Amino acid sequence: MADEKYMTSAEVMDYLRVRKNTLLKFRRLGLPFVKIARKVVYRRSDVDAFMEAHLVTPIRLPAAVRKQKTKRRR
């Protein structure tokens, strides 16, 4: 735990390439953080685990299904 990397909010925003409002949304969704007085820090392992837990892998539809969907739109 002593070698655990802690990041400030600014560092997490830069690391994830998100704005402050998005980071606050992630906190509401369960991103763990440590608050000492008014300073907020995040463990890098927690940030990585949070992103991994919210990973969405899109499915690729078979070509026949994709063609049906495009026909309906016309």
PDB file of N, CA and C in Angstrom:
ATOM      1  N   MET A   1       0.809  -1.190   0.000  1.00  0.00           N
ATOM      2  CA  MET A   1       0.000   0.000   0.000  1.00  0.00           C
ATOM      3  C   MET A   1       0.857   1.261   0.000  1.00  0.00           C
ATOM      4  N   ALA A   2       2.054   1.163   0.545  1.00  0.00           N
ATOM      5  CA  ALA A   2       2.928   2.329   0.594  1.00  0.00           C
ATOM      6  C   ALA A   2       3.352   2.771  -0.802  1.00  0.00           C
ATOM      7  N   ASP A   3       3.423   1.835  -1.746  1.00  0.00           N
ATOM      8  CA  ASP A   3       3.826   2.198  -3.097  1.00  0.00           C
ATOM      9  C   ASP A   3       2.629   2.494  -4.006  1.00  0.00           C
ATOM     10  N   GLU A   4       1.428   2.569  -3.423  1.00  0.00           N
ATOM     11  CA  GLU A   4       0.214   2.867  -4.182  1.00  0.00           C
ATOM     12  C   GLU A   4       0.297   4.291  -4.731  1.00  0.00           C
ATOM     13  N   LYS A   5      -0.055   4.467  -5.992  1.00  0.00           N
ATOM     14  CA  LYS A   5      -0.025   5.769  -6.652  1.00  0.00           C
ATOM     15  C   LYS A   5      -1.351   6.490  -6.414  1.00  0.00           C
ATOM     16  N   TYR A   6      -1.284   7.674  -5.811  1.00  0.00           N
ATOM     17  CA  TYR A   6      -2.462   8.500  -5.596  1.00  0.00           C
ATOM     18  C   TYR A   6      -2.436   9.653  -6.592  1.00  0.00           C
ATOM     19  N   MET A   7      -3.617  10.006  -7.087  1.00  0.00           N
ATOM     20  CA  MET A   7      -3.725  11.051  -8.098  1.00  0.00           C
ATOM     21  C   MET A   7      -4.706  12.116  -7.628  1.00  0.00           C
ATOM     22  N   THR A   8      -4.413  13.362  -7.950  1.00  0.00           N
ATOM     23  CA  THR A   8      -5.344  14.448  -7.665  1.00  0.00           C
ATOM     24  C   THR A   8      -6.476  14.412  -8.696  1.00  0.00           C
ATOM     25  N   SER A   9      -7.504  15.210  -8.465  1.00  0.00           N
ATOM     26  CA  SER A   9      -8.599  15.283  -9.430  1.00  0.00           C
ATOM     27  C   SER A   9      -8.090  15.732 -10.794  1.00  0.00           C
ATOM     28  N   ALA A  10      -7.201  16.715 -10.808  1.00  0.00           N
ATOM     29  CA  ALA A  10      -6.653  17.214 -12.067  1.00  0.00           C
ATOM     30  C   ALA A  10      -5.881  16.115 -12.796  1.00  0.00           C
ATOM     31  N   GLU A  11      -5.130  15.317 -12.052  1.00  0.00           N
ATOM     32  CA  GLU A  11      -4.374  14.225 -12.679  1.00  0.00           C
ATOM     33  C   GLU A  11      -5.300  13.157 -13.241  1.00  0.00           C
ATOM     34  N   VAL A  12      -6.387  12.847 -12.519  1.00  0.00           N
ATOM     35  CA  VAL A  12      -7.352  11.851 -13.008  1.00  0.00           C
ATOM     36  C   VAL A  12      -8.054  12.374 -14.258  1.00  0.00           C
ATOM     37  N   MET A  13      -8.430  13.647 -14.254  1.00  0.00           N
ATOM     38  CA  MET A  13      -9.080  14.228 -15.432  1.00  0.00           C
ATOM     39  C   MET A  13      -8.149  14.168 -16.641  1.00  0.00           C
ATOM     40  N   ASP A  14      -6.883  14.444 -16.426  1.00  0.00           N
ATOM     41  CA  ASP A  14      -5.905  14.368 -17.514  1.00  0.00           C
ATOM     42  C   ASP A  14      -5.698  12.917 -17.958  1.00  0.00           C
ATOM     43  N   TYR A  15      -5.602  12.006 -17.004  1.00  0.00           N
ATOM     44  CA  TYR A  15      -5.391  10.580 -17.279  1.00  0.00           C
ATOM     45  C   TYR A  15      -6.543   9.991 -18.101  1.00  0.00           C
ATOM     46  N   LEU A  16      -7.781  10.356 -17.737  1.00  0.00           N
ATOM     47  CA  LEU A  16      -8.957   9.828 -18.432  1.00  0.00           C
ATOM     48  C   LEU A  16      -9.410  10.718 -19.584  1.00  0.00           C
ATOM     49  N   ARG A  17      -8.829  11.901 -19.680  1.00  0.00           N
ATOM     50  CA  ARG A  17      -9.210  12.896 -20.693  1.00  0.00           C
ATOM     51  C   ARG A  17     -10.695  13.243 -20.585  1.00  0.00           C
ATOM     52  N   VAL A  18     -11.106  13.594 -19.370  1.00  0.00           N
ATOM     53  CA  VAL A  18     -12.488  13.999 -19.115  1.00  0.00           C
ATOM     54  C   VAL A  18     -12.490  15.342 -18.393  1.00  0.00           C
ATOM     55  N   ARG A  19     -13.649  15.966 -18.373  1.00  0.00           N
ATOM     56  CA  ARG A  19     -13.814  17.234 -17.667  1.00  0.00           C
ATOM     57  C   ARG A  19     -14.262  16.981 -16.230  1.00  0.00           C
ATOM     58  N   LYS A  20     -14.270  18.048 -15.463  1.00  0.00           N
ATOM     59  CA  LYS A  20     -14.593  17.949 -14.033  1.00  0.00           C
ATOM     60  C   LYS A  20     -15.992  17.370 -13.804  1.00  0.00           C
ATOM     61  N   ASN A  21     -16.973  17.795 -14.594  1.00  0.00           N
ATOM     62  CA  ASN A  21     -18.336  17.289 -14.410  1.00  0.00           C
ATOM     63  C   ASN A  21     -18.409  15.783 -14.644  1.00  0.00           C
ATOM     64  N   THR A  22     -17.647  15.293 -15.608  1.00  0.00           N
ATOM     65  CA  THR A  22     -17.625  13.848 -15.874  1.00  0.00           C
ATOM     66  C   THR A  22     -16.991  13.105 -14.709  1.00  0.00           C
ATOM     67  N   LEU A  23     -15.927  13.653 -14.159  1.00  0.00           N
ATOM     68  CA  LEU A  23     -15.290  13.026 -13.001  1.00  0.00           C
ATOM     69  C   LEU A  23     -16.253  12.988 -11.816  1.00  0.00           C
ATOM     70  N   LEU A  24     -16.996  14.057 -11.599  1.00  0.00           N
ATOM     71  CA  LEU A  24     -17.986  14.075 -10.519  1.00  0.00           C
ATOM     72  C   LEU A  24     -19.087  13.041 -10.770  1.00  0.00           C
ATOM     73  N   LYS A  25     -19.476  12.871 -12.021  1.00  0.00           N
ATOM     74  CA  LYS A  25     -20.469  11.847 -12.371  1.00  0.00           C
ATOM     75  C   LYS A  25     -19.921  10.459 -12.050  1.00  0.00           C
ATOM     76  N   PHE A  26     -18.649  10.219 -12.385  1.00  0.00           N
ATOM     77  CA  PHE A  26     -18.031   8.929 -12.070  1.00  0.00           C
ATOM     78  C   PHE A  26     -18.038   8.686 -10.569  1.00  0.00           C
ATOM     79  N   ARG A  27     -17.812   9.728  -9.777  1.00  0.00           N
ATOM     80  CA  ARG A  27     -17.859   9.576  -8.315  1.00  0.00           C
ATOM     81  C   ARG A  27     -19.250   9.170  -7.862  1.00  0.00           C
ATOM     82  N   ARG A  28     -20.285   9.777  -8.457  1.00  0.00           N
ATOM     83  CA  ARG A  28     -21.662   9.406  -8.100  1.00  0.00           C
ATOM     84  C   ARG A  28     -21.965   7.968  -8.520  1.00  0.00           C
ATOM     85  N   LEU A  29     -21.291   7.495  -9.570  1.00  0.00           N
ATOM     86  CA  LEU A  29     -21.489   6.121 -10.039  1.00  0.00           C
ATOM     87  C   LEU A  29     -20.664   5.106  -9.252  1.00  0.00           C
ATOM     88  N   GLY A  30     -19.825   5.598  -8.321  1.00  0.00           N
ATOM     89  CA  GLY A  30     -19.111   4.678  -7.458  1.00  0.00           C
ATOM     90  C   GLY A  30     -17.597   4.709  -7.535  1.00  0.00           C
ATOM     91  N   LEU A  31     -17.017   5.662  -8.244  1.00  0.00           N
ATOM     92  CA  LEU A  31     -15.552   5.767  -8.283  1.00  0.00           C
ATOM     93  C   LEU A  31     -15.048   6.105  -6.885  1.00  0.00           C
ATOM     94  N   PRO A  32     -14.255   5.213  -6.286  1.00  0.00           N
ATOM     95  CA  PRO A  32     -13.768   5.466  -4.917  1.00  0.00           C
ATOM     96  C   PRO A  32     -12.784   6.637  -4.871  1.00  0.00           C
ATOM     97  N   PHE A  33     -12.830   7.388  -3.790  1.00  0.00           N
ATOM     98  CA  PHE A  33     -11.891   8.488  -3.583  1.00  0.00           C
ATOM     99  C   PHE A  33     -11.626   8.634  -2.097  1.00  0.00           C
ATOM    100  N   VAL A  34     -10.545   9.326  -1.780  1.00  0.00           N
ATOM    101  CA  VAL A  34     -10.165   9.594  -0.395  1.00  0.00           C
ATOM    102  C   VAL A  34     -10.244  11.097  -0.194  1.00  0.00           C
ATOM    103  N   LYS A  35     -10.904  11.517   0.862  1.00  0.00           N
ATOM    104  CA  LYS A  35     -11.013  12.940   1.150  1.00  0.00           C
ATOM    105  C   LYS A  35     -10.370  13.213   2.495  1.00  0.00           C
ATOM    106  N   ILE A  36      -9.369  14.054   2.476  1.00  0.00           N
ATOM    107  CA  ILE A  36      -8.679  14.472   3.692  1.00  0.00           C
ATOM    108  C   ILE A  36      -8.820  15.984   3.762  1.00  0.00           C
ATOM    109  N   ALA A  37      -9.576  16.445   4.763  1.00  0.00           N
ATOM    110  CA  ALA A  37      -9.947  17.866   4.858  1.00  0.00           C
ATOM    111  C   ALA A  37     -10.670  18.233   3.567  1.00  0.00           C
ATOM    112  N   ARG A  38     -10.102  19.138   2.773  1.00  0.00           N
ATOM    113  CA  ARG A  38     -10.757  19.510   1.514  1.00  0.00           C
ATOM    114  C   ARG A  38     -10.057  18.909   0.303  1.00  0.00           C
ATOM    115  N   LYS A  39      -9.027  18.131   0.523  1.00  0.00           N
ATOM    116  CA  LYS A  39      -8.271  17.544  -0.581  1.00  0.00           C
ATOM    117  C   LYS A  39      -8.841  16.175  -0.938  1.00  0.00           C
ATOM    118  N   VAL A  40      -9.076  15.969  -2.230  1.00  0.00           N
ATOM    119  CA  VAL A  40      -9.599  14.703  -2.735  1.00  0.00           C
ATOM    120  C   VAL A  40      -8.527  14.053  -3.596  1.00  0.00           C
ATOM    121  N   VAL A  41      -8.247  12.776  -3.331  1.00  0.00           N
ATOM    122  CA  VAL A  41      -7.297  12.018  -4.141  1.00  0.00           C
ATOM    123  C   VAL A  41      -7.910  10.666  -4.498  1.00  0.00           C
ATOM    124  N   TYR A  42      -7.381  10.079  -5.545  1.00  0.00           N
ATOM    125  CA  TYR A  42      -7.868   8.801  -6.059  1.00  0.00           C
ATOM    126  C   TYR A  42      -6.688   7.849  -6.192  1.00  0.00           C
ATOM    127  N   ARG A  43      -6.904   6.589  -5.852  1.00  0.00           N
ATOM    128  CA  ARG A  43      -5.879   5.587  -6.104  1.00  0.00           C
ATOM    129  C   ARG A  43      -5.959   5.202  -7.572  1.00  0.00           C
ATOM    130  N   ARG A  44      -4.825   5.141  -8.208  1.00  0.00           N
ATOM    131  CA  ARG A  44      -4.819   4.803  -9.636  1.00  0.00           C
ATOM    132  C   ARG A  44      -5.430   3.433  -9.873  1.00  0.00           C
ATOM    133  N   SER A  45      -5.176   2.492  -8.987  1.00  0.00           N
ATOM    134  CA  SER A  45      -5.749   1.148  -9.143  1.00  0.00           C
ATOM    135  C   SER A  45      -7.275   1.194  -9.076  1.00  0.00           C
ATOM    136  N   ASP A  46      -7.841   2.086  -8.248  1.00  0.00           N
ATOM    137  CA  ASP A  46      -9.293   2.239  -8.176  1.00  0.00           C
ATOM    138  C   ASP A  46      -9.853   2.846  -9.459  1.00  0.00           C
ATOM    139  N   VAL A  47      -9.145   3.822 -10.005  1.00  0.00           N
ATOM    140  CA  VAL A  47      -9.579   4.441 -11.262  1.00  0.00           C
ATOM    141  C   VAL A  47      -9.581   3.397 -12.376  1.00  0.00           C
ATOM    142  N   ASP A  48      -8.494   2.631 -12.461  1.00  0.00           N
ATOM    143  CA  ASP A  48      -8.404   1.587 -13.496  1.00  0.00           C
ATOM    144  C   ASP A  48      -9.486   0.525 -13.314  1.00  0.00           C
ATOM    145  N   ALA A  49      -9.728   0.116 -12.076  1.00  0.00           N
ATOM    146  CA  ALA A  49     -10.751  -0.902 -11.803  1.00  0.00           C
ATOM    147  C   ALA A  49     -12.146  -0.376 -12.137  1.00  0.00           C
ATOM    148  N   PHE A  50     -12.408   0.893 -11.830  1.00  0.00           N
ATOM    149  CA  PHE A  50     -13.704   1.499 -12.142  1.00  0.00           C
ATOM    150  C   PHE A  50     -13.934   1.510 -13.650  1.00  0.00           C
ATOM    151  N   MET A  51     -12.919   1.912 -14.397  1.00  0.00           N
ATOM    152  CA  MET A  51     -13.057   1.952 -15.854  1.00  0.00           C
ATOM    153  C   MET A  51     -13.233   0.542 -16.422  1.00  0.00           C
ATOM    154  N   GLU A  52     -12.525  -0.415 -15.889  1.00  0.00           N
ATOM    155  CA  GLU A  52     -12.656  -1.800 -16.341  1.00  0.00           C
ATOM    156  C   GLU A  52     -14.060  -2.339 -16.041  1.00  0.00           C
ATOM    157  N   ALA A  53     -14.598  -1.982 -14.891  1.00  0.00           N
ATOM    158  CA  ALA A  53     -15.929  -2.454 -14.504  1.00  0.00           C
ATOM    159  C   ALA A  53     -17.026  -1.849 -15.377  1.00  0.00           C
ATOM    160  N   HIS A  54     -16.762  -0.690 -15.961  1.00  0.00           N
ATOM    161  CA  HIS A  54     -17.752  -0.022 -16.804  1.00  0.00           C
ATOM    162  C   HIS A  54     -17.444  -0.165 -18.294  1.00  0.00           C
ATOM    163  N   LEU A  55     -16.574  -1.085 -18.620  1.00  0.00           N
ATOM    164  CA  LEU A  55     -16.221  -1.336 -20.013  1.00  0.00           C
ATOM    165  C   LEU A  55     -17.404  -1.949 -20.749  1.00  0.00           C
ATOM    166  N   VAL A  56     -17.722  -1.397 -21.896  1.00  0.00           N
ATOM    167  CA  VAL A  56     -18.802  -1.912 -22.731  1.00  0.00           C
ATOM    168  C   VAL A  56     -18.175  -2.429 -24.018  1.00  0.00           C
ATOM    169  N   THR A  57     -18.412  -3.690 -24.303  1.00  0.00           N
ATOM    170  CA  THR A  57     -17.907  -4.284 -25.526  1.00  0.00           C
ATOM    171  C   THR A  57     -19.072  -4.425 -26.501  1.00  0.00           C
ATOM    172  N   PRO A  58     -19.054  -3.638 -27.574  1.00  0.00           N
ATOM    173  CA  PRO A  58     -20.168  -3.724 -28.518  1.00  0.00           C
ATOM    174  C   PRO A  58     -20.165  -5.061 -29.252  1.00  0.00           C
ATOM    175  N   ILE A  59     -21.362  -5.513 -29.563  1.00  0.00           N
ATOM    176  CA  ILE A  59     -21.458  -6.758 -30.324  1.00  0.00           C
ATOM    177  C   ILE A  59     -21.548  -6.403 -31.798  1.00  0.00           C
ATOM    178  N   ARG A  60     -21.035  -7.258 -32.613  1.00  0.00           N
ATOM    179  CA  ARG A  60     -21.111  -7.044 -34.055  1.00  0.00           C
ATOM    180  C   ARG A  60     -22.222  -7.930 -34.578  1.00  0.00           C
ATOM    181  N   LEU A  61     -23.217  -7.290 -35.164  1.00  0.00           N
ATOM    182  CA  LEU A  61     -24.352  -8.029 -35.704  1.00  0.00           C
ATOM    183  C   LEU A  61     -23.957  -8.720 -37.002  1.00  0.00           C
ATOM    184  N   PRO A  62     -24.537  -9.880 -37.279  1.00  0.00           N
ATOM    185  CA  PRO A  62     -24.278 -10.530 -38.561  1.00  0.00           C
ATOM    186  C   PRO A  62     -24.714  -9.631 -39.710  1.00  0.00           C
ATOM    187  N   ALA A  63     -24.087  -9.784 -40.857  1.00  0.00           N
ATOM    188  CA  ALA A  63     -24.349  -8.929 -42.015  1.00  0.00           C
ATOM    189  C   ALA A  63     -25.828  -8.940 -42.399  1.00  0.00           C
ATOM    190  N   ALA A  64     -26.488 -10.086 -42.335  1.00  0.00           N
ATOM    191  CA  ALA A  64     -27.897 -10.183 -42.720  1.00  0.00           C
ATOM    192  C   ALA A  64     -28.770  -9.311 -41.819  1.00  0.00           C
ATOM    193  N   VAL A  65     -28.466  -9.261 -40.553  1.00  0.00           N
ATOM    194  CA  VAL A  65     -29.248  -8.450 -39.615  1.00  0.00           C
ATOM    195  C   VAL A  65     -28.981  -6.973 -39.877  1.00  0.00           C
ATOM    196  N   ARG A  66     -27.727  -6.598 -40.135  1.00  0.00           N
ATOM    197  CA  ARG A  66     -27.403  -5.200 -40.426  1.00  0.00           C
ATOM    198  C   ARG A  66     -28.144  -4.727 -41.670  1.00  0.00           C
ATOM    199  N   LYS A  67     -28.254  -5.577 -42.688  1.00  0.00           N
ATOM    200  CA  LYS A  67     -28.944  -5.201 -43.917  1.00  0.00           C
ATOM    201  C   LYS A  67     -30.428  -4.992 -43.650  1.00  0.00           C
ATOM    202  N   GLN A  68     -31.024  -5.823 -42.815  1.00  0.00           N
ATOM    203  CA  GLN A  68     -32.443  -5.668 -42.475  1.00  0.00           C
ATOM    204  C   GLN A  68     -32.677  -4.340 -41.784  1.00  0.00           C
ATOM    205  N   LYS A  69     -31.795  -3.983 -40.889  1.00  0.00           N
ATOM    206  CA  LYS A  69     -31.954  -2.724 -40.148  1.00  0.00           C
ATOM    207  C   LYS A  69     -31.847  -1.527 -41.079  1.00  0.00           C
ATOM    208  N   THR A  70     -30.954  -1.560 -42.053  1.00  0.00           N
ATOM    209  CA  THR A  70     -30.826  -0.427 -42.956  1.00  0.00           C
ATOM    210  C   THR A  70     -32.014  -0.341 -43.905  1.00  0.00           C
ATOM    211  N   LYS A  71     -32.616  -1.467 -44.259  1.00  0.00           N
ATOM    212  CA  LYS A  71     -33.795  -1.448 -45.125  1.00  0.00           C
ATOM    213  C   LYS A  71     -34.972  -0.799 -44.431  1.00  0.00           C
ATOM    214  N   ARG A  72     -35.114  -0.995 -43.154  1.00  0.00           N
ATOM    215  CA  ARG A  72     -36.240  -0.431 -42.393  1.00  0.00           C
ATOM    216  C   ARG A  72     -36.167   1.088 -42.315  1.00  0.00           C
ATOM    217  N   ARG A  73     -34.974   1.632 -42.305  1.00  0.00           N
ATOM    218  CA  ARG A  73     -34.797   3.077 -42.151  1.00  0.00           C
ATOM    219  C   ARG A  73     -35.219   3.830 -43.398  1.00  0.00           C
ATOM    220  N   ARG A  74     -35.192   3.201 -44.530  1.00  0.00           N
ATOM    221  CA  ARG A  74     -35.493   3.909 -45.790  1.00  0.00           C
ATOM    222  C   ARG A  74     -36.909   4.161 -45.971  1.00  0.00           C
TER     223      ARG A  74
END
